[in-house]
Amino acid sequence: MIIYLLQGMGLGFVAAAQPGPFQAFIISQTLKNGWRPTLITALAPLLSDGPIIAIVLLALSRVPASMQGYLHTASGVFILFLALCAFGRWRAASGGTALGAEPAYQSLLKAVLMNVISPGPWIFWSLVAGPTLIGGWNEALSRGIAFLAGFYLVLIATFALTILLFGTARRLGPRLTRHLFGAAALAMAGFGCHQLWIGLDTIGVW
């Protein structure tokens, strides 16, 4: 059981530490709202991954290429929308306009929606974590649970640490906050364009 716990912890850290649209999103939300309202978004994978894991495992740990294409496209459009919002906050910060914080539940809903329509979690659970989870589950229920516990413990803790670090950076002054807003907007725009390109290419638009 310890082996599956450690495997889950290792994969949780890899998933959380790898740069991606979700990380850029929580950084942007932290800069806008502060770390306290944003901290709850670290729990978004717990709310969104359940249906993803169930569907992927029922599909024998394979996501069809056509499905991946539509997921990439939907994810790209949504991430570009969030990038546009982040760019608007960057402009407001540049002009000295006060940034209005949004309720914590809105950040959480956006984070859950991003996770559901992003191809990353689907591909990760179908090709990386899914087979290990199935293997542990088949050996013993406790091993499958240990894998999931280790994975989400480290994943959520790493996301929470990221939020706390950028919450501290937010207090260092408006100039740094403005630059971080710009970097987050550019990162999300890049991820969004990349996802959209892959999706349209997979579907066969060009």
N, C-alpha and C. Protein backbone atom coordinates (compact mmCIF):
# COMPACT_ATOMS: atom_id res chain seq x y z
N MET A 1 0.83 -1.21 0.00
CA MET A 1 0.00 0.00 0.00
C MET A 1 0.86 1.26 0.00
N ILE A 2 1.99 1.21 0.70
CA ILE A 2 2.90 2.36 0.76
C ILE A 2 3.39 2.73 -0.63
N ILE A 3 3.65 1.72 -1.46
CA ILE A 3 4.15 1.97 -2.83
C ILE A 3 3.12 2.79 -3.61
N TYR A 4 1.85 2.41 -3.51
CA TYR A 4 0.81 3.14 -4.23
C TYR A 4 0.61 4.55 -3.66
N LEU A 5 0.76 4.68 -2.35
CA LEU A 5 0.68 6.00 -1.73
C LEU A 5 1.79 6.91 -2.26
N LEU A 6 3.01 6.39 -2.33
CA LEU A 6 4.15 7.18 -2.82
C LEU A 6 4.00 7.49 -4.31
N GLN A 7 3.48 6.53 -5.08
CA GLN A 7 3.25 6.78 -6.51
C GLN A 7 2.24 7.90 -6.69
N GLY A 8 1.18 7.86 -5.91
CA GLY A 8 0.17 8.91 -5.99
C GLY A 8 0.73 10.27 -5.62
N MET A 9 1.55 10.30 -4.57
CA MET A 9 2.16 11.57 -4.15
C MET A 9 3.09 12.12 -5.22
N GLY A 10 3.87 11.25 -5.84
CA GLY A 10 4.78 11.68 -6.90
C GLY A 10 4.04 12.24 -8.09
N LEU A 11 2.99 11.53 -8.53
CA LEU A 11 2.22 12.00 -9.67
C LEU A 11 1.45 13.27 -9.33
N GLY A 12 1.02 13.41 -8.09
CA GLY A 12 0.32 14.62 -7.67
C GLY A 12 1.22 15.84 -7.76
N PHE A 13 2.47 15.66 -7.35
CA PHE A 13 3.41 16.78 -7.43
C PHE A 13 3.72 17.15 -8.88
N VAL A 14 3.91 16.12 -9.72
CA VAL A 14 4.19 16.38 -11.14
C VAL A 14 3.03 17.12 -11.78
N ALA A 15 1.80 16.69 -11.50
CA ALA A 15 0.62 17.32 -12.10
C ALA A 15 0.45 18.76 -11.64
N ALA A 16 0.77 19.03 -10.37
CA ALA A 16 0.58 20.39 -9.85
C ALA A 16 1.71 21.33 -10.23
N ALA A 17 2.93 20.79 -10.33
CA ALA A 17 4.10 21.65 -10.58
C ALA A 17 4.30 21.95 -12.05
N GLN A 18 3.71 21.14 -12.93
CA GLN A 18 3.90 21.36 -14.37
C GLN A 18 3.13 22.61 -14.81
N PRO A 19 3.78 23.58 -15.46
CA PRO A 19 3.08 24.80 -15.90
C PRO A 19 1.93 24.47 -16.83
N GLY A 20 0.81 25.11 -16.62
CA GLY A 20 -0.37 24.87 -17.45
C GLY A 20 -1.40 25.95 -17.24
N PRO A 21 -2.52 25.88 -17.94
CA PRO A 21 -3.55 26.91 -17.84
C PRO A 21 -4.16 27.00 -16.45
N PHE A 22 -4.30 25.88 -15.75
CA PHE A 22 -4.90 25.93 -14.41
C PHE A 22 -4.00 26.70 -13.45
N GLN A 23 -2.70 26.44 -13.53
CA GLN A 23 -1.76 27.16 -12.67
C GLN A 23 -1.79 28.65 -12.97
N ALA A 24 -1.81 29.01 -14.27
CA ALA A 24 -1.88 30.42 -14.65
C ALA A 24 -3.17 31.06 -14.15
N PHE A 25 -4.24 30.29 -14.17
CA PHE A 25 -5.54 30.81 -13.72
C PHE A 25 -5.53 31.11 -12.22
N ILE A 26 -5.04 30.17 -11.41
CA ILE A 26 -5.06 30.41 -9.96
C ILE A 26 -4.11 31.53 -9.57
N ILE A 27 -3.03 31.70 -10.32
CA ILE A 27 -2.14 32.83 -10.06
C ILE A 27 -2.85 34.14 -10.36
N SER A 28 -3.55 34.19 -11.50
CA SER A 28 -4.29 35.40 -11.87
C SER A 28 -5.36 35.72 -10.83
N GLN A 29 -6.09 34.68 -10.37
CA GLN A 29 -7.13 34.91 -9.37
C GLN A 29 -6.54 35.37 -8.04
N THR A 30 -5.38 34.84 -7.69
CA THR A 30 -4.73 35.25 -6.44
C THR A 30 -4.32 36.70 -6.50
N LEU A 31 -3.78 37.12 -7.65
CA LEU A 31 -3.37 38.52 -7.79
C LEU A 31 -4.56 39.46 -7.73
N LYS A 32 -5.70 39.00 -8.21
CA LYS A 32 -6.89 39.85 -8.22
C LYS A 32 -7.59 39.87 -6.86
N ASN A 33 -7.80 38.69 -6.29
CA ASN A 33 -8.65 38.57 -5.11
C ASN A 33 -7.90 38.41 -3.79
N GLY A 34 -6.58 38.09 -3.87
CA GLY A 34 -5.86 37.76 -2.65
C GLY A 34 -5.89 36.27 -2.40
N TRP A 35 -5.08 35.80 -1.45
CA TRP A 35 -4.95 34.36 -1.26
C TRP A 35 -6.13 33.74 -0.53
N ARG A 36 -6.79 34.48 0.35
CA ARG A 36 -7.88 33.88 1.13
C ARG A 36 -9.06 33.44 0.26
N PRO A 37 -9.64 34.32 -0.60
CA PRO A 37 -10.76 33.87 -1.43
C PRO A 37 -10.33 32.84 -2.50
N THR A 38 -9.05 32.87 -2.88
CA THR A 38 -8.59 32.00 -3.97
C THR A 38 -8.20 30.61 -3.47
N LEU A 39 -7.92 30.48 -2.18
CA LEU A 39 -7.41 29.22 -1.64
C LEU A 39 -8.36 28.06 -1.92
N ILE A 40 -9.65 28.33 -1.97
CA ILE A 40 -10.63 27.28 -2.19
C ILE A 40 -10.50 26.66 -3.58
N THR A 41 -9.94 27.41 -4.54
CA THR A 41 -9.80 26.87 -5.89
C THR A 41 -8.81 25.70 -5.94
N ALA A 42 -7.98 25.57 -4.92
CA ALA A 42 -7.08 24.41 -4.87
C ALA A 42 -7.86 23.11 -4.77
N LEU A 43 -9.12 23.19 -4.33
CA LEU A 43 -9.96 22.00 -4.19
C LEU A 43 -10.70 21.65 -5.48
N ALA A 44 -10.57 22.48 -6.51
CA ALA A 44 -11.31 22.26 -7.75
C ALA A 44 -11.13 20.86 -8.33
N PRO A 45 -9.90 20.30 -8.35
CA PRO A 45 -9.75 18.94 -8.89
C PRO A 45 -10.59 17.89 -8.16
N LEU A 46 -10.82 18.09 -6.86
CA LEU A 46 -11.65 17.13 -6.13
C LEU A 46 -13.09 17.13 -6.65
N LEU A 47 -13.57 18.29 -7.10
CA LEU A 47 -14.94 18.40 -7.59
C LEU A 47 -15.07 17.99 -9.05
N SER A 48 -14.01 18.17 -9.83
CA SER A 48 -14.11 17.92 -11.27
C SER A 48 -13.56 16.57 -11.70
N ASP A 49 -12.62 16.02 -10.95
CA ASP A 49 -11.95 14.80 -11.40
C ASP A 49 -12.78 13.53 -11.24
N GLY A 50 -13.76 13.55 -10.30
CA GLY A 50 -14.58 12.35 -10.07
C GLY A 50 -15.24 11.85 -11.34
N PRO A 51 -16.04 12.70 -12.03
CA PRO A 51 -16.66 12.25 -13.28
C PRO A 51 -15.64 11.90 -14.35
N ILE A 52 -14.52 12.65 -14.40
CA ILE A 52 -13.49 12.36 -15.39
C ILE A 52 -12.90 10.97 -15.17
N ILE A 53 -12.54 10.66 -13.92
CA ILE A 53 -11.96 9.35 -13.61
C ILE A 53 -12.95 8.24 -13.93
N ALA A 54 -14.22 8.42 -13.54
CA ALA A 54 -15.23 7.38 -13.78
C ALA A 54 -15.41 7.12 -15.27
N ILE A 55 -15.52 8.19 -16.05
CA ILE A 55 -15.73 8.03 -17.50
C ILE A 55 -14.52 7.40 -18.16
N VAL A 56 -13.33 7.88 -17.77
CA VAL A 56 -12.10 7.36 -18.37
C VAL A 56 -11.92 5.88 -18.05
N LEU A 57 -12.15 5.49 -16.81
CA LEU A 57 -11.96 4.09 -16.42
C LEU A 57 -13.01 3.19 -17.09
N LEU A 58 -14.22 3.68 -17.22
CA LEU A 58 -15.25 2.91 -17.91
C LEU A 58 -14.93 2.77 -19.39
N ALA A 59 -14.19 3.74 -19.92
CA ALA A 59 -13.79 3.68 -21.34
C ALA A 59 -12.47 2.94 -21.52
N LEU A 60 -12.12 2.14 -20.51
CA LEU A 60 -10.89 1.33 -20.59
C LEU A 60 -9.65 2.19 -20.73
N SER A 61 -9.66 3.31 -20.01
CA SER A 61 -8.49 4.19 -19.94
C SER A 61 -8.05 4.74 -21.29
N ARG A 62 -9.01 4.96 -22.18
CA ARG A 62 -8.69 5.54 -23.49
C ARG A 62 -9.69 6.63 -23.81
N VAL A 63 -9.17 7.77 -24.23
CA VAL A 63 -10.02 8.87 -24.70
C VAL A 63 -9.88 8.95 -26.21
N PRO A 64 -10.97 8.81 -26.98
CA PRO A 64 -10.88 8.84 -28.44
C PRO A 64 -10.26 10.13 -28.94
N ALA A 65 -9.56 10.04 -30.06
CA ALA A 65 -8.88 11.22 -30.63
C ALA A 65 -9.88 12.32 -30.95
N SER A 66 -11.06 11.97 -31.46
CA SER A 66 -12.06 12.98 -31.79
C SER A 66 -12.52 13.72 -30.54
N MET A 67 -12.68 12.98 -29.45
CA MET A 67 -13.08 13.60 -28.20
C MET A 67 -12.00 14.55 -27.71
N GLN A 68 -10.75 14.14 -27.85
CA GLN A 68 -9.64 15.01 -27.46
C GLN A 68 -9.67 16.31 -28.26
N GLY A 69 -9.99 16.21 -29.55
CA GLY A 69 -10.03 17.40 -30.39
C GLY A 69 -11.07 18.40 -29.92
N TYR A 70 -12.27 17.92 -29.61
CA TYR A 70 -13.31 18.82 -29.13
C TYR A 70 -12.98 19.39 -27.76
N LEU A 71 -12.35 18.59 -26.90
CA LEU A 71 -11.95 19.07 -25.59
C LEU A 71 -10.89 20.17 -25.72
N HIS A 72 -9.91 19.94 -26.60
CA HIS A 72 -8.87 20.95 -26.84
C HIS A 72 -9.50 22.27 -27.32
N THR A 73 -10.46 22.16 -28.25
CA THR A 73 -11.09 23.35 -28.81
C THR A 73 -11.87 24.12 -27.76
N ALA A 74 -12.72 23.41 -27.01
CA ALA A 74 -13.51 24.06 -25.95
C ALA A 74 -12.61 24.67 -24.89
N SER A 75 -11.57 23.94 -24.53
CA SER A 75 -10.62 24.44 -23.53
C SER A 75 -9.92 25.70 -24.03
N GLY A 76 -9.50 25.69 -25.30
CA GLY A 76 -8.80 26.84 -25.87
C GLY A 76 -9.66 28.09 -25.85
N VAL A 77 -10.93 27.95 -26.23
CA VAL A 77 -11.84 29.10 -26.24
C VAL A 77 -12.03 29.65 -24.83
N PHE A 78 -12.24 28.76 -23.87
CA PHE A 78 -12.48 29.20 -22.49
C PHE A 78 -11.23 29.85 -21.89
N ILE A 79 -10.07 29.27 -22.16
CA ILE A 79 -8.83 29.83 -21.61
C ILE A 79 -8.54 31.20 -22.23
N LEU A 80 -8.83 31.35 -23.52
CA LEU A 80 -8.65 32.66 -24.16
C LEU A 80 -9.58 33.69 -23.54
N PHE A 81 -10.79 33.27 -23.18
CA PHE A 81 -11.71 34.18 -22.49
C PHE A 81 -11.14 34.62 -21.15
N LEU A 82 -10.59 33.66 -20.40
CA LEU A 82 -9.98 34.00 -19.11
C LEU A 82 -8.75 34.88 -19.30
N ALA A 83 -7.99 34.64 -20.38
CA ALA A 83 -6.82 35.47 -20.66
C ALA A 83 -7.25 36.90 -20.95
N LEU A 84 -8.36 37.06 -21.67
CA LEU A 84 -8.89 38.39 -21.96
C LEU A 84 -9.29 39.10 -20.67
N CYS A 85 -9.89 38.35 -19.75
CA CYS A 85 -10.25 38.94 -18.45
C CYS A 85 -9.00 39.36 -17.68
N ALA A 86 -7.98 38.51 -17.71
CA ALA A 86 -6.73 38.84 -17.03
C ALA A 86 -6.06 40.05 -17.66
N PHE A 87 -6.13 40.16 -18.99
CA PHE A 87 -5.56 41.32 -19.67
C PHE A 87 -6.30 42.59 -19.26
N GLY A 88 -7.63 42.49 -19.08
CA GLY A 88 -8.40 43.64 -18.62
C GLY A 88 -7.97 44.06 -17.23
N ARG A 89 -7.65 43.08 -16.37
CA ARG A 89 -7.19 43.42 -15.02
C ARG A 89 -5.80 44.04 -15.07
N TRP A 90 -4.97 43.59 -16.03
CA TRP A 90 -3.65 44.19 -16.20
C TRP A 90 -3.78 45.65 -16.61
N ARG A 91 -4.68 45.94 -17.53
CA ARG A 91 -4.90 47.32 -17.97
C ARG A 91 -5.43 48.17 -16.82
N ALA A 92 -6.33 47.60 -16.02
CA ALA A 92 -6.88 48.35 -14.89
C ALA A 92 -5.77 48.66 -13.87
N ALA A 93 -4.90 47.67 -13.64
CA ALA A 93 -3.79 47.88 -12.70
C ALA A 93 -2.82 48.92 -13.26
N SER A 94 -2.60 48.90 -14.58
CA SER A 94 -1.69 49.86 -15.19
C SER A 94 -2.23 51.28 -15.08
N GLY A 95 -3.57 51.41 -15.11
CA GLY A 95 -4.17 52.74 -15.03
C GLY A 95 -4.45 53.19 -13.61
N GLY A 96 -4.08 52.33 -12.66
CA GLY A 96 -4.29 52.70 -11.26
C GLY A 96 -5.70 52.47 -10.78
N THR A 97 -6.54 51.77 -11.57
CA THR A 97 -7.91 51.51 -11.18
C THR A 97 -7.95 50.42 -10.13
N ALA A 98 -8.78 50.59 -9.12
CA ALA A 98 -8.91 49.57 -8.08
C ALA A 98 -9.55 48.32 -8.67
N LEU A 99 -9.00 47.16 -8.32
CA LEU A 99 -9.49 45.89 -8.84
C LEU A 99 -10.52 45.32 -7.87
N GLY A 100 -11.74 45.12 -8.37
CA GLY A 100 -12.78 44.55 -7.52
C GLY A 100 -12.62 43.05 -7.39
N ALA A 101 -12.65 42.57 -6.16
CA ALA A 101 -12.53 41.14 -5.92
C ALA A 101 -13.87 40.47 -6.19
N GLU A 102 -13.82 39.23 -6.65
CA GLU A 102 -15.04 38.48 -6.89
C GLU A 102 -15.20 37.44 -5.78
N PRO A 103 -16.42 36.97 -5.54
CA PRO A 103 -16.65 35.98 -4.48
C PRO A 103 -15.84 34.71 -4.73
N ALA A 104 -15.51 34.03 -3.63
CA ALA A 104 -14.69 32.82 -3.72
C ALA A 104 -15.38 31.75 -4.55
N TYR A 105 -16.72 31.66 -4.45
CA TYR A 105 -17.41 30.58 -5.17
C TYR A 105 -17.31 30.78 -6.68
N GLN A 106 -17.21 32.04 -7.15
CA GLN A 106 -17.07 32.26 -8.58
C GLN A 106 -15.71 31.77 -9.07
N SER A 107 -14.66 32.01 -8.30
CA SER A 107 -13.34 31.49 -8.66
C SER A 107 -13.35 29.98 -8.69
N LEU A 108 -14.03 29.37 -7.72
CA LEU A 108 -14.09 27.91 -7.66
C LEU A 108 -14.84 27.34 -8.86
N LEU A 109 -15.96 27.97 -9.23
CA LEU A 109 -16.74 27.49 -10.37
C LEU A 109 -15.94 27.58 -11.66
N LYS A 110 -15.21 28.69 -11.84
CA LYS A 110 -14.38 28.84 -13.03
C LYS A 110 -13.28 27.78 -13.06
N ALA A 111 -12.67 27.52 -11.90
CA ALA A 111 -11.61 26.52 -11.83
C ALA A 111 -12.14 25.13 -12.15
N VAL A 112 -13.32 24.79 -11.63
CA VAL A 112 -13.92 23.48 -11.91
C VAL A 112 -14.24 23.35 -13.39
N LEU A 113 -14.84 24.40 -13.97
CA LEU A 113 -15.18 24.36 -15.40
C LEU A 113 -13.93 24.20 -16.25
N MET A 114 -12.86 24.93 -15.90
CA MET A 114 -11.63 24.81 -16.66
C MET A 114 -11.10 23.39 -16.61
N ASN A 115 -11.15 22.76 -15.46
CA ASN A 115 -10.64 21.40 -15.32
C ASN A 115 -11.46 20.40 -16.13
N VAL A 116 -12.78 20.59 -16.13
CA VAL A 116 -13.66 19.63 -16.82
C VAL A 116 -13.46 19.67 -18.33
N ILE A 117 -13.34 20.88 -18.89
CA ILE A 117 -13.24 20.98 -20.35
C ILE A 117 -11.81 20.95 -20.86
N SER A 118 -10.83 20.96 -19.96
CA SER A 118 -9.44 20.89 -20.40
C SER A 118 -9.08 19.43 -20.71
N PRO A 119 -8.36 19.18 -21.78
CA PRO A 119 -7.98 17.80 -22.12
C PRO A 119 -6.93 17.22 -21.19
N GLY A 120 -6.19 18.09 -20.49
CA GLY A 120 -5.11 17.61 -19.64
C GLY A 120 -5.53 16.55 -18.64
N PRO A 121 -6.56 16.82 -17.78
CA PRO A 121 -6.97 15.80 -16.82
C PRO A 121 -7.47 14.51 -17.48
N TRP A 122 -8.17 14.64 -18.61
CA TRP A 122 -8.67 13.45 -19.30
C TRP A 122 -7.51 12.58 -19.79
N ILE A 123 -6.53 13.23 -20.43
CA ILE A 123 -5.39 12.49 -20.95
C ILE A 123 -4.55 11.94 -19.80
N PHE A 124 -4.37 12.74 -18.75
CA PHE A 124 -3.57 12.31 -17.61
C PHE A 124 -4.15 11.06 -16.97
N TRP A 125 -5.47 11.06 -16.75
CA TRP A 125 -6.08 9.92 -16.09
C TRP A 125 -6.22 8.71 -17.01
N SER A 126 -6.31 8.96 -18.32
CA SER A 126 -6.44 7.83 -19.24
C SER A 126 -5.10 7.16 -19.53
N LEU A 127 -4.03 7.95 -19.60
CA LEU A 127 -2.74 7.41 -20.04
C LEU A 127 -1.70 7.29 -18.94
N VAL A 128 -1.81 8.07 -17.87
CA VAL A 128 -0.76 8.10 -16.84
C VAL A 128 -1.26 7.49 -15.53
N ALA A 129 -2.22 8.18 -14.90
CA ALA A 129 -2.65 7.75 -13.56
C ALA A 129 -3.67 6.62 -13.59
N GLY A 130 -4.49 6.58 -14.63
CA GLY A 130 -5.54 5.58 -14.70
C GLY A 130 -5.05 4.14 -14.58
N PRO A 131 -4.08 3.73 -15.41
CA PRO A 131 -3.59 2.35 -15.32
C PRO A 131 -3.05 1.99 -13.94
N THR A 132 -2.35 2.93 -13.29
CA THR A 132 -1.83 2.66 -11.94
C THR A 132 -2.97 2.52 -10.94
N LEU A 133 -3.98 3.36 -11.06
CA LEU A 133 -5.13 3.28 -10.17
C LEU A 133 -5.86 1.95 -10.35
N ILE A 134 -6.05 1.53 -11.59
CA ILE A 134 -6.73 0.26 -11.86
C ILE A 134 -5.93 -0.91 -11.29
N GLY A 135 -4.59 -0.85 -11.48
CA GLY A 135 -3.74 -1.92 -10.96
C GLY A 135 -3.85 -2.05 -9.46
N GLY A 136 -3.77 -0.91 -8.75
CA GLY A 136 -3.89 -0.94 -7.30
C GLY A 136 -5.27 -1.38 -6.85
N TRP A 137 -6.30 -0.88 -7.55
CA TRP A 137 -7.68 -1.22 -7.20
C TRP A 137 -7.92 -2.72 -7.36
N ASN A 138 -7.36 -3.30 -8.41
CA ASN A 138 -7.55 -4.74 -8.64
C ASN A 138 -6.83 -5.58 -7.59
N GLU A 139 -5.72 -5.10 -7.09
CA GLU A 139 -4.98 -5.83 -6.07
C GLU A 139 -5.69 -5.76 -4.71
N ALA A 140 -6.12 -4.56 -4.35
CA ALA A 140 -6.84 -4.37 -3.09
C ALA A 140 -7.46 -2.98 -3.08
N LEU A 141 -8.66 -2.88 -2.52
CA LEU A 141 -9.34 -1.59 -2.48
C LEU A 141 -8.50 -0.55 -1.73
N SER A 142 -7.83 -0.97 -0.67
CA SER A 142 -7.03 -0.05 0.13
C SER A 142 -5.88 0.55 -0.68
N ARG A 143 -5.34 -0.20 -1.63
CA ARG A 143 -4.23 0.30 -2.45
C ARG A 143 -4.72 1.37 -3.43
N GLY A 144 -5.88 1.15 -4.00
CA GLY A 144 -6.44 2.18 -4.88
C GLY A 144 -6.74 3.45 -4.12
N ILE A 145 -7.29 3.31 -2.91
CA ILE A 145 -7.59 4.48 -2.07
C ILE A 145 -6.30 5.19 -1.66
N ALA A 146 -5.26 4.41 -1.35
CA ALA A 146 -3.97 5.01 -0.96
C ALA A 146 -3.39 5.83 -2.11
N PHE A 147 -3.52 5.31 -3.33
CA PHE A 147 -3.02 6.04 -4.50
C PHE A 147 -3.76 7.37 -4.65
N LEU A 148 -5.09 7.34 -4.57
CA LEU A 148 -5.88 8.56 -4.71
C LEU A 148 -5.60 9.54 -3.58
N ALA A 149 -5.46 9.03 -2.35
CA ALA A 149 -5.19 9.89 -1.20
C ALA A 149 -3.85 10.60 -1.36
N GLY A 150 -2.82 9.86 -1.75
CA GLY A 150 -1.50 10.46 -1.94
C GLY A 150 -1.51 11.48 -3.05
N PHE A 151 -2.20 11.16 -4.14
CA PHE A 151 -2.26 12.06 -5.30
C PHE A 151 -2.90 13.39 -4.93
N TYR A 152 -4.10 13.35 -4.35
CA TYR A 152 -4.83 14.59 -4.08
C TYR A 152 -4.25 15.35 -2.90
N LEU A 153 -3.64 14.65 -1.96
CA LEU A 153 -3.00 15.34 -0.84
C LEU A 153 -1.89 16.26 -1.34
N VAL A 154 -1.02 15.73 -2.20
CA VAL A 154 0.10 16.52 -2.71
C VAL A 154 -0.37 17.54 -3.75
N LEU A 155 -1.31 17.14 -4.61
CA LEU A 155 -1.82 18.06 -5.64
C LEU A 155 -2.42 19.31 -5.01
N ILE A 156 -3.32 19.12 -4.05
CA ILE A 156 -3.99 20.25 -3.40
C ILE A 156 -3.00 21.08 -2.59
N ALA A 157 -2.09 20.40 -1.89
CA ALA A 157 -1.10 21.13 -1.08
C ALA A 157 -0.20 21.99 -1.96
N THR A 158 0.19 21.49 -3.13
CA THR A 158 1.06 22.25 -4.03
C THR A 158 0.32 23.45 -4.61
N PHE A 159 -0.95 23.24 -5.00
CA PHE A 159 -1.75 24.36 -5.49
C PHE A 159 -1.92 25.42 -4.39
N ALA A 160 -2.19 24.97 -3.17
CA ALA A 160 -2.37 25.90 -2.05
C ALA A 160 -1.08 26.68 -1.79
N LEU A 161 0.05 26.01 -1.88
CA LEU A 161 1.34 26.69 -1.67
C LEU A 161 1.57 27.74 -2.75
N THR A 162 1.21 27.42 -4.00
CA THR A 162 1.35 28.38 -5.09
C THR A 162 0.50 29.62 -4.83
N ILE A 163 -0.72 29.41 -4.36
CA ILE A 163 -1.62 30.53 -4.06
C ILE A 163 -1.05 31.39 -2.94
N LEU A 164 -0.52 30.76 -1.90
CA LEU A 164 0.04 31.50 -0.78
C LEU A 164 1.27 32.31 -1.20
N LEU A 165 2.11 31.71 -2.06
CA LEU A 165 3.31 32.41 -2.51
C LEU A 165 2.96 33.65 -3.33
N PHE A 166 2.01 33.52 -4.23
CA PHE A 166 1.63 34.67 -5.05
C PHE A 166 0.76 35.64 -4.29
N GLY A 167 0.08 35.16 -3.23
CA GLY A 167 -0.62 36.08 -2.35
C GLY A 167 0.34 36.99 -1.62
N THR A 168 1.51 36.45 -1.25
CA THR A 168 2.56 37.25 -0.63
C THR A 168 3.14 38.25 -1.63
N ALA A 169 3.35 37.78 -2.87
CA ALA A 169 3.90 38.68 -3.90
C ALA A 169 2.94 39.83 -4.18
N ARG A 170 1.65 39.58 -4.04
CA ARG A 170 0.65 40.62 -4.28
C ARG A 170 0.81 41.80 -3.33
N ARG A 171 1.34 41.52 -2.14
CA ARG A 171 1.48 42.57 -1.14
C ARG A 171 2.77 43.38 -1.31
N LEU A 172 3.60 42.99 -2.26
CA LEU A 172 4.89 43.66 -2.42
C LEU A 172 4.78 44.96 -3.21
N GLY A 173 3.59 45.25 -3.72
CA GLY A 173 3.42 46.52 -4.40
C GLY A 173 2.67 46.40 -5.71
N PRO A 174 2.01 47.49 -6.15
CA PRO A 174 1.20 47.45 -7.37
C PRO A 174 2.02 47.22 -8.63
N ARG A 175 3.27 47.65 -8.64
CA ARG A 175 4.07 47.48 -9.85
C ARG A 175 4.35 46.01 -10.12
N LEU A 176 4.74 45.27 -9.07
CA LEU A 176 4.98 43.84 -9.22
C LEU A 176 3.69 43.12 -9.59
N THR A 177 2.60 43.50 -8.94
CA THR A 177 1.30 42.89 -9.23
C THR A 177 0.93 43.08 -10.69
N ARG A 178 1.17 44.29 -11.22
CA ARG A 178 0.86 44.58 -12.61
C ARG A 178 1.66 43.69 -13.55
N HIS A 179 2.96 43.54 -13.27
CA HIS A 179 3.79 42.69 -14.12
C HIS A 179 3.34 41.22 -14.05
N LEU A 180 2.97 40.78 -12.86
CA LEU A 180 2.52 39.39 -12.71
C LEU A 180 1.18 39.18 -13.42
N PHE A 181 0.31 40.18 -13.37
CA PHE A 181 -0.94 40.11 -14.12
C PHE A 181 -0.66 39.95 -15.61
N GLY A 182 0.26 40.76 -16.12
CA GLY A 182 0.61 40.69 -17.54
C GLY A 182 1.18 39.33 -17.90
N ALA A 183 2.05 38.79 -17.04
CA ALA A 183 2.64 37.48 -17.31
C ALA A 183 1.58 36.39 -17.29
N ALA A 184 0.65 36.46 -16.33
CA ALA A 184 -0.42 35.46 -16.26
C ALA A 184 -1.33 35.54 -17.49
N ALA A 185 -1.64 36.76 -17.93
CA ALA A 185 -2.49 36.93 -19.11
C ALA A 185 -1.81 36.36 -20.35
N LEU A 186 -0.52 36.65 -20.52
CA LEU A 186 0.22 36.13 -21.67
C LEU A 186 0.31 34.61 -21.62
N ALA A 187 0.54 34.06 -20.43
CA ALA A 187 0.65 32.61 -20.29
C ALA A 187 -0.67 31.94 -20.66
N MET A 188 -1.77 32.47 -20.16
CA MET A 188 -3.08 31.87 -20.48
C MET A 188 -3.40 32.03 -21.97
N ALA A 189 -3.05 33.18 -22.55
CA ALA A 189 -3.29 33.37 -23.98
C ALA A 189 -2.49 32.35 -24.80
N GLY A 190 -1.24 32.12 -24.39
CA GLY A 190 -0.43 31.13 -25.09
C GLY A 190 -1.01 29.73 -24.97
N PHE A 191 -1.41 29.36 -23.75
CA PHE A 191 -2.02 28.03 -23.56
C PHE A 191 -3.31 27.91 -24.34
N GLY A 192 -4.12 28.98 -24.33
CA GLY A 192 -5.38 28.94 -25.05
C GLY A 192 -5.21 28.77 -26.54
N CYS A 193 -4.29 29.53 -27.12
CA CYS A 193 -4.01 29.41 -28.56
C CYS A 193 -3.49 28.01 -28.90
N HIS A 194 -2.63 27.49 -28.03
CA HIS A 194 -2.07 26.15 -28.25
C HIS A 194 -3.17 25.09 -28.23
N GLN A 195 -4.05 25.17 -27.24
CA GLN A 195 -5.14 24.20 -27.14
C GLN A 195 -6.07 24.31 -28.34
N LEU A 196 -6.39 25.55 -28.73
CA LEU A 196 -7.29 25.77 -29.86
C LEU A 196 -6.70 25.23 -31.15
N TRP A 197 -5.41 25.47 -31.36
CA TRP A 197 -4.74 24.97 -32.56
C TRP A 197 -4.77 23.45 -32.62
N ILE A 198 -4.43 22.81 -31.52
CA ILE A 198 -4.43 21.33 -31.47
C ILE A 198 -5.82 20.78 -31.71
N GLY A 199 -6.82 21.42 -31.06
CA GLY A 199 -8.20 20.95 -31.21
C GLY A 199 -8.69 21.04 -32.63
N LEU A 200 -8.51 22.19 -33.27
CA LEU A 200 -8.98 22.37 -34.65
C LEU A 200 -8.22 21.47 -35.61
N ASP A 201 -6.93 21.25 -35.33
CA ASP A 201 -6.13 20.37 -36.17
C ASP A 201 -6.61 18.92 -36.03
N THR A 202 -6.91 18.51 -34.79
CA THR A 202 -7.38 17.14 -34.55
C THR A 202 -8.74 16.89 -35.20
N ILE A 203 -9.62 17.89 -35.10
CA ILE A 203 -10.95 17.76 -35.70
C ILE A 203 -10.85 17.73 -37.22
N GLY A 204 -9.82 18.40 -37.79
CA GLY A 204 -9.62 18.41 -39.23
C GLY A 204 -10.09 19.67 -39.90
N VAL A 205 -10.11 20.78 -39.12
CA VAL A 205 -10.54 22.05 -39.71
C VAL A 205 -9.54 22.51 -40.76
N TRP A 206 -8.22 22.20 -40.51
CA TRP A 206 -7.21 22.50 -41.51
C TRP A 206 -6.22 21.36 -41.60
